[in-house]
Amino acid sequence: MNGAIVDSFITSFSRSRARERGAHDSRMRYVRTRAGELRVIDTGGGEPVLVLTPDGPCVIEHYDGLIRRFSERFRVVCFDMPGNGFSFPGYGYRFSIVESADFIVELLDALSVPKAAFAFTCVNGFRRHESRQTPSAARFPSGSRANAVF
């Protein structure tokens, strides 16, 4: 059985309550991607953009100090990876490198981020590094920011 389906099913019972608890900051919102619903904080502003994501079991709140400091000089976008924190994986998401690269492009498109610097830790850094090797840009429409990001 696909573990992602089991995880998605289990969290489906408590998502609405968790979503309310997880969106306590006015800058936080949920963005729907093919990977699932991602909890995101976006400090707003222009460029340069810095994208952060904590490794589980850490969540966005653990990065509050970093977000505050970096937002003095950058537009900061920070999100919980699918299945971590208050981001919920979709039923079809299988946590692959290619899918990770794709949903990051989707997220940045949804936030109108034309290009960004990434500060991903641990396995998330590996996903970012490996995503440079995947043909994500070829799978997105010409208006996508995939070419600028990866």
Protein backbone atom coordinates (compact mmCIF):
# COMPACT_ATOMS: atom_id res chain seq x y z
CA MET A 1 0.00 0.00 0.00
CA ASN A 2 1.19 3.50 -0.80
CA GLY A 3 2.30 5.16 2.45
CA ALA A 4 1.40 8.61 1.13
CA ILE A 5 -2.21 7.53 0.74
CA VAL A 6 -2.28 6.25 4.33
CA ASP A 7 -0.68 9.47 5.63
CA SER A 8 -3.12 11.60 3.64
CA PHE A 9 -6.09 9.59 4.87
CA ILE A 10 -5.00 9.77 8.52
CA THR A 11 -4.51 13.54 8.44
CA SER A 12 -7.78 14.15 6.56
CA PHE A 13 -9.76 13.85 9.81
CA SER A 14 -7.98 16.68 11.59
CA ARG A 15 -6.96 18.98 8.73
CA SER A 16 -9.50 21.75 9.29
CA ARG A 17 -8.65 22.09 13.00
CA ALA A 18 -4.92 21.82 12.27
CA ARG A 19 -5.23 24.38 9.48
CA GLU A 20 -6.77 26.88 11.92
CA ARG A 21 -3.99 26.30 14.46
CA GLY A 22 -1.32 26.41 11.77
CA ALA A 23 -2.35 29.74 10.25
CA HIS A 24 -2.03 31.87 13.36
CA ASP A 25 0.23 34.49 11.75
CA SER A 26 -1.38 36.98 9.36
CA ARG A 27 1.43 36.35 6.85
CA MET A 28 0.68 32.60 6.77
CA ARG A 29 -1.54 30.91 4.27
CA TYR A 30 -2.07 27.61 2.51
CA VAL A 31 -1.14 27.08 -1.12
CA ARG A 32 -2.56 24.08 -2.95
CA THR A 33 -0.07 22.23 -5.17
CA ARG A 34 -0.05 18.78 -6.76
CA ALA A 35 1.96 17.65 -3.73
CA GLY A 36 -0.75 18.81 -1.33
CA GLU A 37 -1.65 21.86 0.72
CA LEU A 38 1.50 23.69 1.81
CA ARG A 39 1.59 26.04 4.78
CA VAL A 40 3.59 29.09 3.75
CA ILE A 41 4.73 32.33 5.30
CA ASP A 42 5.63 35.09 2.87
CA THR A 43 7.02 38.34 4.24
CA GLY A 44 6.20 40.08 0.97
CA GLY A 45 8.21 42.72 -0.79
CA GLY A 46 10.34 42.59 -3.88
CA GLU A 47 13.63 40.98 -4.68
CA PRO A 48 15.88 39.40 -3.66
CA VAL A 49 13.81 36.41 -2.50
CA LEU A 50 15.13 33.85 -0.02
CA VAL A 51 13.30 30.51 0.22
CA LEU A 52 13.59 28.47 3.43
CA THR A 53 12.08 25.17 4.53
CA PRO A 54 12.70 23.46 7.85
CA ASP A 55 13.48 19.75 8.06
CA GLY A 56 11.01 17.73 10.09
CA PRO A 57 10.26 17.62 12.92
CA CYS A 58 10.95 21.36 12.83
CA VAL A 59 8.21 23.70 11.61
CA ILE A 60 8.04 27.28 10.34
CA GLU A 61 7.78 28.62 13.90
CA HIS A 62 11.25 27.28 14.66
CA TYR A 63 12.53 29.65 11.96
CA ASP A 64 10.83 32.78 13.37
CA GLY A 65 14.15 34.35 14.37
CA LEU A 66 15.73 33.64 10.99
CA ILE A 67 12.68 34.91 9.12
CA ARG A 68 12.64 38.11 11.17
CA ARG A 69 16.36 38.78 10.61
CA PHE A 70 16.42 37.84 6.92
CA SER A 71 13.26 39.82 6.17
CA GLU A 72 15.20 43.01 6.94
CA ARG A 73 17.04 42.50 3.63
CA PHE A 74 15.05 39.88 1.69
CA ARG A 75 11.55 38.82 0.82
CA VAL A 76 11.42 35.55 2.76
CA VAL A 77 9.26 32.60 1.73
CA CYS A 78 9.26 29.73 4.23
CA PHE A 79 7.11 26.60 3.93
CA ASP A 80 6.56 23.28 5.66
CA MET A 81 7.32 20.37 3.32
CA PRO A 82 4.38 18.05 2.54
CA GLY A 83 3.80 15.75 5.50
CA ASN A 84 5.72 18.02 7.89
CA GLY A 85 4.36 20.58 10.30
CA PHE A 86 1.00 21.81 9.06
CA SER A 87 1.50 20.99 5.35
CA PHE A 88 -0.65 18.11 4.24
CA PRO A 89 0.44 15.70 1.48
CA GLY A 90 -1.92 14.98 -1.36
CA TYR A 91 -3.10 11.43 -2.00
CA GLY A 92 -0.88 10.99 -5.06
CA TYR A 93 2.28 12.61 -3.69
CA ARG A 94 5.09 10.04 -3.34
CA PHE A 95 7.84 12.27 -1.90
CA SER A 96 10.17 11.84 -4.88
CA ILE A 97 12.90 14.25 -5.92
CA VAL A 98 11.11 15.09 -9.18
CA GLU A 99 7.80 15.73 -7.41
CA SER A 100 9.59 17.93 -4.88
CA ALA A 101 11.14 20.00 -7.66
CA ASP A 102 7.75 20.29 -9.34
CA PHE A 103 5.83 21.46 -6.28
CA ILE A 104 8.51 24.02 -5.44
CA VAL A 105 8.07 25.48 -8.93
CA GLU A 106 4.29 25.44 -8.45
CA LEU A 107 4.61 27.19 -5.10
CA LEU A 108 6.89 29.90 -6.45
CA ASP A 109 4.59 30.42 -9.43
CA ALA A 110 1.62 30.81 -7.06
CA LEU A 111 3.56 33.42 -5.07
CA SER A 112 4.79 35.23 -8.22
CA VAL A 113 8.44 34.65 -7.39
CA PRO A 114 10.50 35.04 -10.59
CA LYS A 115 13.81 33.87 -9.07
CA ALA A 116 15.11 33.02 -5.64
CA ALA A 117 18.00 31.91 -3.50
CA PHE A 118 17.41 28.71 -1.53
CA ALA A 119 18.58 27.90 1.99
CA PHE A 120 17.42 24.33 2.46
CA THR A 121 18.91 22.11 5.17
CA CYS A 122 19.69 18.42 5.36
CA VAL A 123 17.52 16.24 3.08
CA ASN A 124 15.67 19.29 1.77
CA GLY A 125 19.00 20.66 0.57
CA PHE A 126 19.61 17.38 -1.20
CA ARG A 127 16.19 17.69 -2.87
CA ARG A 128 17.06 21.19 -4.03
CA HIS A 129 20.47 20.09 -5.31
CA GLU A 130 19.04 17.09 -7.13
CA SER A 131 16.19 19.12 -8.58
CA ARG A 132 18.72 20.95 -10.74
CA GLN A 133 19.22 17.65 -12.55
CA THR A 134 15.51 17.08 -13.25
CA PRO A 135 13.72 18.38 -16.33
CA SER A 136 11.07 20.27 -14.32
CA ALA A 137 11.08 23.20 -16.72
CA ALA A 138 10.07 20.94 -19.59
CA ARG A 139 6.94 19.82 -17.70
CA PHE A 140 5.65 23.35 -17.03
CA PRO A 141 4.02 25.88 -19.34
CA SER A 142 6.20 28.53 -20.95
CA GLY A 143 4.85 31.15 -18.53
CA SER A 144 6.19 29.22 -15.56
CA ARG A 145 9.10 30.45 -13.52
CA ALA A 146 10.68 26.98 -13.62
CA ASN A 147 13.41 28.09 -16.00
CA ALA A 148 14.39 30.94 -13.71
CA VAL A 149 14.35 28.85 -10.55
CA PHE A 150 16.03 25.59 -11.46
